[in-house]
Structures are given as C-alpha cells and as structure tokens.
PDB file of N, CA and C in Angstrom:
ATOM      1  N   MET A   1       0.857  -1.040  -0.057  1.00  0.00           N
ATOM      2  CA  MET A   1       0.082   0.069  -0.070  1.00  0.00           C
ATOM      3  C   MET A   1       1.089   1.108  -0.093  1.00  0.00           C
ATOM      4  N   ARG A   2       0.534   1.984  -0.792  1.00  0.00           N
ATOM      5  CA  ARG A   2       1.068   3.234  -0.947  1.00  0.00           C
ATOM      6  C   ARG A   2       0.214   4.423  -0.031  1.00  0.00           C
ATOM      7  N   ALA A   3       1.780   5.440   0.071  1.00  0.00           N
ATOM      8  CA  ALA A   3       0.739   6.860   0.640  1.00  0.00           C
ATOM      9  C   ALA A   3       0.250   7.787  -0.237  1.00  0.00           C
ATOM     10  N   VAL A   4      -0.843   8.497  -0.061  1.00  0.00           N
ATOM     11  CA  VAL A   4      -1.480   9.434  -0.984  1.00  0.00           C
ATOM     12  C   VAL A   4      -1.699  10.810  -0.159  1.00  0.00           C
ATOM     13  N   PHE A   5      -0.787  11.948  -0.677  1.00  0.00           N
ATOM     14  CA  PHE A   5      -1.741  13.024   0.007  1.00  0.00           C
ATOM     15  C   PHE A   5      -2.510  13.808  -0.829  1.00  0.00           C
ATOM     16  N   ALA A   6      -3.067  13.818  -0.505  1.00  0.00           N
ATOM     17  CA  ALA A   6      -4.731  14.567  -1.053  1.00  0.00           C
ATOM     18  C   ALA A   6      -4.011  16.089  -1.092  1.00  0.00           C
ATOM     19  N   ARG A   7      -4.882  16.783  -2.559  1.00  0.00           N
ATOM     20  CA  ARG A   7      -4.209  17.872  -3.180  1.00  0.00           C
ATOM     21  C   ARG A   7      -4.812  18.479  -1.920  1.00  0.00           C
ATOM     22  N   HIS A   8      -3.949  20.216  -1.525  1.00  0.00           N
ATOM     23  CA  HIS A   8      -4.209  20.588  -0.681  1.00  0.00           C
ATOM     24  C   HIS A   8      -3.337  21.911  -0.906  1.00  0.00           C
ATOM     25  N   GLN A   9      -3.562  22.880  -0.248  1.00  0.00           N
ATOM     26  CA  GLN A   9      -2.492  24.334   0.117  1.00  0.00           C
ATOM     27  C   GLN A   9      -2.332  25.045   1.112  1.00  0.00           C
ATOM     28  N   HIS A  10      -1.804  25.395   1.838  1.00  0.00           N
ATOM     29  CA  HIS A  10      -1.125  25.822   3.134  1.00  0.00           C
ATOM     30  C   HIS A  10      -0.517  27.186   2.796  1.00  0.00           C
ATOM     31  N   GLU A  11      -0.838  28.123   3.811  1.00  0.00           N
ATOM     32  CA  GLU A  11      -0.222  29.485   3.750  1.00  0.00           C
ATOM     33  C   GLU A  11       1.661  29.582   3.801  1.00  0.00           C
ATOM     34  N   ALA A  12       2.092  28.568   4.402  1.00  0.00           N
ATOM     35  CA  ALA A  12       3.066  28.055   4.717  1.00  0.00           C
ATOM     36  C   ALA A  12       4.416  27.758   3.525  1.00  0.00           C
ATOM     37  N   GLU A  13       5.117  27.842   3.816  1.00  0.00           N
ATOM     38  CA  GLU A  13       6.340  27.235   2.364  1.00  0.00           C
ATOM     39  C   GLU A  13       6.533  26.042   2.791  1.00  0.00           C
ATOM     40  N   GLN A  14       6.772  25.387   1.889  1.00  0.00           N
ATOM     41  CA  GLN A  14       7.393  23.615   2.614  1.00  0.00           C
ATOM     42  C   GLN A  14       8.255  23.400   1.954  1.00  0.00           C
ATOM     43  N   LEU A  15       9.276  22.812   2.760  1.00  0.00           N
ATOM     44  CA  LEU A  15      10.490  22.478   2.445  1.00  0.00           C
ATOM     45  C   LEU A  15      10.500  21.000   2.561  1.00  0.00           C
ATOM     46  N   THR A  16      10.388  19.998   1.611  1.00  0.00           N
ATOM     47  CA  THR A  16      10.819  18.689   2.151  1.00  0.00           C
ATOM     48  C   THR A  16      12.042  18.091   1.318  1.00  0.00           C
ATOM     49  N   ILE A  17      12.467  17.098   1.924  1.00  0.00           N
ATOM     50  CA  ILE A  17      13.662  16.670   2.200  1.00  0.00           C
ATOM     51  C   ILE A  17      13.185  14.845   1.902  1.00  0.00           C
ATOM     52  N   VAL A  18      13.451  13.817   1.075  1.00  0.00           N
ATOM     53  CA  VAL A  18      13.698  12.618   1.160  1.00  0.00           C
ATOM     54  C   VAL A  18      14.753  12.058   1.919  1.00  0.00           C
ATOM     55  N   LEU A  19      14.645  11.350   2.874  1.00  0.00           N
ATOM     56  CA  LEU A  19      15.504  10.636   3.289  1.00  0.00           C
ATOM     57  C   LEU A  19      16.027   9.303   3.108  1.00  0.00           C
ATOM     58  N   SER A  20      14.750   8.982   2.616  1.00  0.00           N
ATOM     59  CA  SER A  20      14.846   7.351   1.881  1.00  0.00           C
ATOM     60  C   SER A  20      13.834   7.199   1.168  1.00  0.00           C
ATOM     61  N   GLY A  21      14.276   6.227   0.104  1.00  0.00           N
ATOM     62  CA  GLY A  21      12.648   5.783  -0.718  1.00  0.00           C
ATOM     63  C   GLY A  21      11.989   6.945  -1.830  1.00  0.00           C
ATOM     64  N   ALA A  22      11.193   7.269  -2.160  1.00  0.00           N
ATOM     65  CA  ALA A  22      10.581   7.977  -2.931  1.00  0.00           C
ATOM     66  C   ALA A  22       9.704   8.942  -2.481  1.00  0.00           C
ATOM     67  N   ARG A  23       9.390  10.177  -3.499  1.00  0.00           N
ATOM     68  CA  ARG A  23       7.729  10.850  -3.230  1.00  0.00           C
ATOM     69  C   ARG A  23       8.004  11.350  -5.004  1.00  0.00           C
ATOM     70  N   VAL A  24       5.936  11.466  -4.897  1.00  0.00           N
ATOM     71  CA  VAL A  24       6.335  12.216  -5.893  1.00  0.00           C
ATOM     72  C   VAL A  24       5.182  13.233  -6.000  1.00  0.00           C
ATOM     73  N   PHE A  25       5.319  14.307  -5.996  1.00  0.00           N
ATOM     74  CA  PHE A  25       4.743  16.120  -6.112  1.00  0.00           C
ATOM     75  C   PHE A  25       3.937  16.194  -7.385  1.00  0.00           C
ATOM     76  N   ASN A  26       2.637  16.209  -7.191  1.00  0.00           N
ATOM     77  CA  ASN A  26       2.017  16.845  -8.482  1.00  0.00           C
ATOM     78  C   ASN A  26       1.140  18.133  -8.496  1.00  0.00           C
ATOM     79  N   PHE A  27       1.733  19.232  -9.134  1.00  0.00           N
ATOM     80  CA  PHE A  27       1.420  20.348  -9.450  1.00  0.00           C
ATOM     81  C   PHE A  27       0.705  20.482 -10.484  1.00  0.00           C
ATOM     82  N   ASP A  28      -0.187  21.831 -10.405  1.00  0.00           N
ATOM     83  CA  ASP A  28      -1.297  21.909 -11.787  1.00  0.00           C
ATOM     84  C   ASP A  28      -0.534  21.718 -13.201  1.00  0.00           C
ATOM     85  N   ASP A  29       0.788  22.429 -13.523  1.00  0.00           N
ATOM     86  CA  ASP A  29       1.577  21.368 -14.644  1.00  0.00           C
ATOM     87  C   ASP A  29       2.651  20.751 -14.544  1.00  0.00           C
ATOM     88  N   GLU A  30       3.103  20.271 -13.622  1.00  0.00           N
ATOM     89  CA  GLU A  30       3.914  18.931 -13.824  1.00  0.00           C
ATOM     90  C   GLU A  30       3.845  18.027 -12.472  1.00  0.00           C
ATOM     91  N   GLU A  31       4.994  16.790 -12.599  1.00  0.00           N
ATOM     92  CA  GLU A  31       4.781  16.326 -11.582  1.00  0.00           C
ATOM     93  C   GLU A  31       6.673  16.373 -11.523  1.00  0.00           C
ATOM     94  N   VAL A  32       7.186  16.021  -9.696  1.00  0.00           N
ATOM     95  CA  VAL A  32       8.249  15.703  -9.684  1.00  0.00           C
ATOM     96  C   VAL A  32       8.417  14.780  -9.000  1.00  0.00           C
ATOM     97  N   LYS A  33       9.234  14.077  -9.360  1.00  0.00           N
ATOM     98  CA  LYS A  33       9.834  12.728  -8.381  1.00  0.00           C
ATOM     99  C   LYS A  33      11.237  12.762  -7.954  1.00  0.00           C
ATOM    100  N   LEU A  34      11.200  12.889  -6.269  1.00  0.00           N
ATOM    101  CA  LEU A  34      12.117  12.660  -5.656  1.00  0.00           C
ATOM    102  C   LEU A  34      12.727  11.920  -5.427  1.00  0.00           C
ATOM    103  N   THR A  35      14.067  11.444  -4.934  1.00  0.00           N
ATOM    104  CA  THR A  35      14.619  10.046  -3.885  1.00  0.00           C
ATOM    105  C   THR A  35      15.851  10.477  -3.347  1.00  0.00           C
ATOM    106  N   ALA A  36      16.065   9.380  -2.587  1.00  0.00           N
ATOM    107  CA  ALA A  36      16.538   9.973  -1.552  1.00  0.00           C
ATOM    108  C   ALA A  36      17.591  10.997  -1.604  1.00  0.00           C
ATOM    109  N   GLY A  37      18.297  11.582  -0.665  1.00  0.00           N
ATOM    110  CA  GLY A  37      18.784  12.767  -0.747  1.00  0.00           C
ATOM    111  C   GLY A  37      18.752  14.069  -1.437  1.00  0.00           C
ATOM    112  N   GLU A  38      17.064  14.094  -2.171  1.00  0.00           N
ATOM    113  CA  GLU A  38      16.790  15.296  -2.968  1.00  0.00           C
ATOM    114  C   GLU A  38      15.549  15.827  -2.143  1.00  0.00           C
ATOM    115  N   ALA A  39      15.038  17.128  -2.443  1.00  0.00           N
ATOM    116  CA  ALA A  39      14.665  18.395  -1.769  1.00  0.00           C
ATOM    117  C   ALA A  39      13.807  19.145  -2.743  1.00  0.00           C
ATOM    118  N   ILE A  40      12.461  19.412  -2.083  1.00  0.00           N
ATOM    119  CA  ILE A  40      12.054  20.380  -3.058  1.00  0.00           C
ATOM    120  C   ILE A  40      11.098  21.435  -1.786  1.00  0.00           C
ATOM    121  N   LEU A  41      11.609  22.405  -2.219  1.00  0.00           N
ATOM    122  CA  LEU A  41      10.737  23.754  -1.871  1.00  0.00           C
ATOM    123  C   LEU A  41       9.117  23.937  -2.506  1.00  0.00           C
ATOM    124  N   ILE A  42       8.214  24.298  -1.867  1.00  0.00           N
ATOM    125  CA  ILE A  42       6.980  24.492  -2.489  1.00  0.00           C
ATOM    126  C   ILE A  42       6.605  25.673  -1.667  1.00  0.00           C
ATOM    127  N   PRO A  43       6.473  26.755  -2.229  1.00  0.00           N
ATOM    128  CA  PRO A  43       5.938  28.175  -2.380  1.00  0.00           C
ATOM    129  C   PRO A  43       4.769  28.246  -1.453  1.00  0.00           C
ATOM    130  N   GLY A  44       4.501  28.907  -0.541  1.00  0.00           N
ATOM    131  CA  GLY A  44       3.176  29.385   0.039  1.00  0.00           C
ATOM    132  C   GLY A  44       2.045  29.460  -0.702  1.00  0.00           C
ATOM    133  N   ASN A  45       0.929  28.469  -0.376  1.00  0.00           N
ATOM    134  CA  ASN A  45      -0.800  28.542  -1.512  1.00  0.00           C
ATOM    135  C   ASN A  45      -0.303  27.954  -2.693  1.00  0.00           C
ATOM    136  N   LYS A  46       0.688  27.425  -3.088  1.00  0.00           N
ATOM    137  CA  LYS A  46       0.725  26.320  -4.136  1.00  0.00           C
ATOM    138  C   LYS A  46       0.108  24.775  -4.202  1.00  0.00           C
ATOM    139  N   PRO A  47      -0.951  25.077  -4.698  1.00  0.00           N
ATOM    140  CA  PRO A  47      -1.606  23.912  -4.659  1.00  0.00           C
ATOM    141  C   PRO A  47      -1.267  22.888  -4.919  1.00  0.00           C
ATOM    142  N   HIS A  48      -0.994  21.222  -4.087  1.00  0.00           N
ATOM    143  CA  HIS A  48      -0.096  20.334  -4.367  1.00  0.00           C
ATOM    144  C   HIS A  48      -0.544  18.938  -4.320  1.00  0.00           C
ATOM    145  N   GLY A  49      -0.066  17.980  -4.359  1.00  0.00           N
ATOM    146  CA  GLY A  49      -0.721  16.736  -3.770  1.00  0.00           C
ATOM    147  C   GLY A  49       0.659  15.922  -4.131  1.00  0.00           C
ATOM    148  N   ALA A  50       0.832  14.481  -2.876  1.00  0.00           N
ATOM    149  CA  ALA A  50       1.770  13.754  -3.520  1.00  0.00           C
ATOM    150  C   ALA A  50       1.551  12.458  -3.034  1.00  0.00           C
ATOM    151  N   PHE A  51       2.242  11.689  -3.222  1.00  0.00           N
ATOM    152  CA  PHE A  51       2.334  10.138  -3.716  1.00  0.00           C
ATOM    153  C   PHE A  51       3.594   9.322  -3.178  1.00  0.00           C
ATOM    154  N   VAL A  52       3.933   8.182  -2.450  1.00  0.00           N
ATOM    155  CA  VAL A  52       4.877   7.553  -2.436  1.00  0.00           C
ATOM    156  C   VAL A  52       4.633   6.529  -3.478  1.00  0.00           C
ATOM    157  N   PRO A  53       5.514   6.022  -4.438  1.00  0.00           N
ATOM    158  CA  PRO A  53       5.397   5.044  -5.508  1.00  0.00           C
ATOM    159  C   PRO A  53       5.729   3.892  -4.984  1.00  0.00           C
ATOM    160  N   GLU A  54       5.039   2.991  -5.533  1.00  0.00           N
ATOM    161  CA  GLU A  54       4.732   1.422  -4.839  1.00  0.00           C
ATOM    162  C   GLU A  54       6.082   0.950  -4.780  1.00  0.00           C
ATOM    163  N   ASP A  55       6.818   1.031  -5.532  1.00  0.00           N
ATOM    164  CA  ASP A  55       8.057   0.675  -6.023  1.00  0.00           C
ATOM    165  C   ASP A  55       9.166   1.653  -4.968  1.00  0.00           C
ATOM    166  N   ALA A  56       8.423   2.048  -3.954  1.00  0.00           N
ATOM    167  CA  ALA A  56       9.834   2.974  -3.401  1.00  0.00           C
ATOM    168  C   ALA A  56      10.665   2.619  -1.865  1.00  0.00           C
ATOM    169  N   GLY A  57       9.661   1.629  -1.776  1.00  0.00           N
ATOM    170  CA  GLY A  57       9.995   0.693  -0.395  1.00  0.00           C
ATOM    171  C   GLY A  57       9.592   1.881   0.650  1.00  0.00           C
ATOM    172  N   GLU A  58      10.515   1.592   1.397  1.00  0.00           N
ATOM    173  CA  GLU A  58      10.368   2.103   2.860  1.00  0.00           C
ATOM    174  C   GLU A  58      10.566   3.834   2.721  1.00  0.00           C
ATOM    175  N   THR A  59       9.826   4.520   3.015  1.00  0.00           N
ATOM    176  CA  THR A  59      10.038   6.186   2.639  1.00  0.00           C
ATOM    177  C   THR A  59      10.341   6.678   3.980  1.00  0.00           C
ATOM    178  N   GLN A  60      10.660   7.710   3.930  1.00  0.00           N
ATOM    179  CA  GLN A  60      11.133   8.683   4.905  1.00  0.00           C
ATOM    180  C   GLN A  60      11.261   9.963   4.837  1.00  0.00           C
ATOM    181  N   THR A  61      10.548  11.243   5.034  1.00  0.00           N
ATOM    182  CA  THR A  61      10.622  12.400   4.650  1.00  0.00           C
ATOM    183  C   THR A  61      11.128  13.427   6.267  1.00  0.00           C
ATOM    184  N   TYR A  62      11.533  14.624   5.645  1.00  0.00           N
ATOM    185  CA  TYR A  62      11.857  15.838   6.659  1.00  0.00           C
ATOM    186  C   TYR A  62      10.914  16.721   6.465  1.00  0.00           C
ATOM    187  N   ASN A  63      10.496  17.075   6.967  1.00  0.00           N
ATOM    188  CA  ASN A  63       9.487  18.655   6.183  1.00  0.00           C
ATOM    189  C   ASN A  63       9.478  19.627   7.133  1.00  0.00           C
ATOM    190  N   LEU A  64       9.869  20.818   6.414  1.00  0.00           N
ATOM    191  CA  LEU A  64       9.701  21.928   7.299  1.00  0.00           C
ATOM    192  C   LEU A  64       8.743  23.200   6.650  1.00  0.00           C
ATOM    193  N   PHE A  65       8.252  23.508   7.954  1.00  0.00           N
ATOM    194  CA  PHE A  65       6.908  24.595   6.994  1.00  0.00           C
ATOM    195  C   PHE A  65       7.579  26.203   7.876  1.00  0.00           C
ATOM    196  N   SER A  66       7.286  26.936   6.706  1.00  0.00           N
ATOM    197  CA  SER A  66       7.465  28.532   7.417  1.00  0.00           C
ATOM    198  C   SER A  66       6.806  29.326   6.691  1.00  0.00           C
ATOM    199  N   PRO A  67       6.091  30.057   7.587  1.00  0.00           N
ATOM    200  CA  PRO A  67       6.034  30.111   9.445  1.00  0.00           C
ATOM    201  C   PRO A  67       5.423  28.899   9.366  1.00  0.00           C
ATOM    202  N   VAL A  68       5.713  28.316  10.901  1.00  0.00           N
ATOM    203  CA  VAL A  68       5.200  27.461  11.320  1.00  0.00           C
ATOM    204  C   VAL A  68       3.806  26.753  11.376  1.00  0.00           C
ATOM    205  N   ARG A  69       3.302  25.834  10.894  1.00  0.00           N
ATOM    206  CA  ARG A  69       2.065  25.654  10.720  1.00  0.00           C
ATOM    207  C   ARG A  69       1.051  25.291  12.208  1.00  0.00           C
ATOM    208  N   LYS A  70       0.225  25.825  12.192  1.00  0.00           N
ATOM    209  CA  LYS A  70      -0.828  25.739  13.431  1.00  0.00           C
ATOM    210  C   LYS A  70      -1.392  24.374  13.058  1.00  0.00           C
ATOM    211  N   THR A  71      -1.816  23.759  12.290  1.00  0.00           N
ATOM    212  CA  THR A  71      -2.376  22.666  12.064  1.00  0.00           C
ATOM    213  C   THR A  71      -2.169  21.746  10.958  1.00  0.00           C
ATOM    214  N   LEU A  72      -1.851  20.210  11.281  1.00  0.00           N
ATOM    215  CA  LEU A  72      -1.720  19.808  10.095  1.00  0.00           C
ATOM    216  C   LEU A  72      -2.591  18.863   9.705  1.00  0.00           C
ATOM    217  N   PRO A  73      -2.921  18.676   8.447  1.00  0.00           N
ATOM    218  CA  PRO A  73      -4.236  17.849   7.783  1.00  0.00           C
ATOM    219  C   PRO A  73      -4.004  16.776   8.204  1.00  0.00           C
ATOM    220  N   SER A  74      -5.546  15.937   8.352  1.00  0.00           N
ATOM    221  CA  SER A  74      -5.480  14.756   8.755  1.00  0.00           C
ATOM    222  C   SER A  74      -5.452  13.869   7.764  1.00  0.00           C
ATOM    223  N   ALA A  75      -4.819  12.683   8.240  1.00  0.00           N
ATOM    224  CA  ALA A  75      -4.582  11.431   7.687  1.00  0.00           C
ATOM    225  C   ALA A  75      -5.758  10.814   6.904  1.00  0.00           C
TER     226      ALA A  75
END
C-alpha cells in the first residue's frame, strides 16, 4: 500500500527532504519525483498533492514549514 497525500495548499512554505525511498509531488503543470537525498521547496499557497510510488520501499521525509503551521492535515 502506498501513501497518498490529497491535493491541498497552505499558507506556509514547505521544504521536504527525502531521507529514504521516494515521493512524487503533483502540481498543476508538472509532476516531480524525488529520491533519497533530494529536496523540494513548495511556495506558500501553491496547490499540490503527493504520493509514495509502490516501488519506493520504506520512505522517510523531513518536512519544514515557514511560518510554522498551526494545524496539520488529517490522515
């Protein structure tokens, strides 16, 4: 089973660093696949979604938000 993060947006900028495995981010005009050691900076209020590909294995990411998010999306 793979993790799926529904399309959403938030005021905070988001920096995601993939520590292991892979994650694919979906934007209006592109799809970006990141693997271990890669990072992406998503501007605030930019709609996006994401998923972990089935063949990614165990995936771990580190996510930073600026300003700090007051609430997190429910899983």
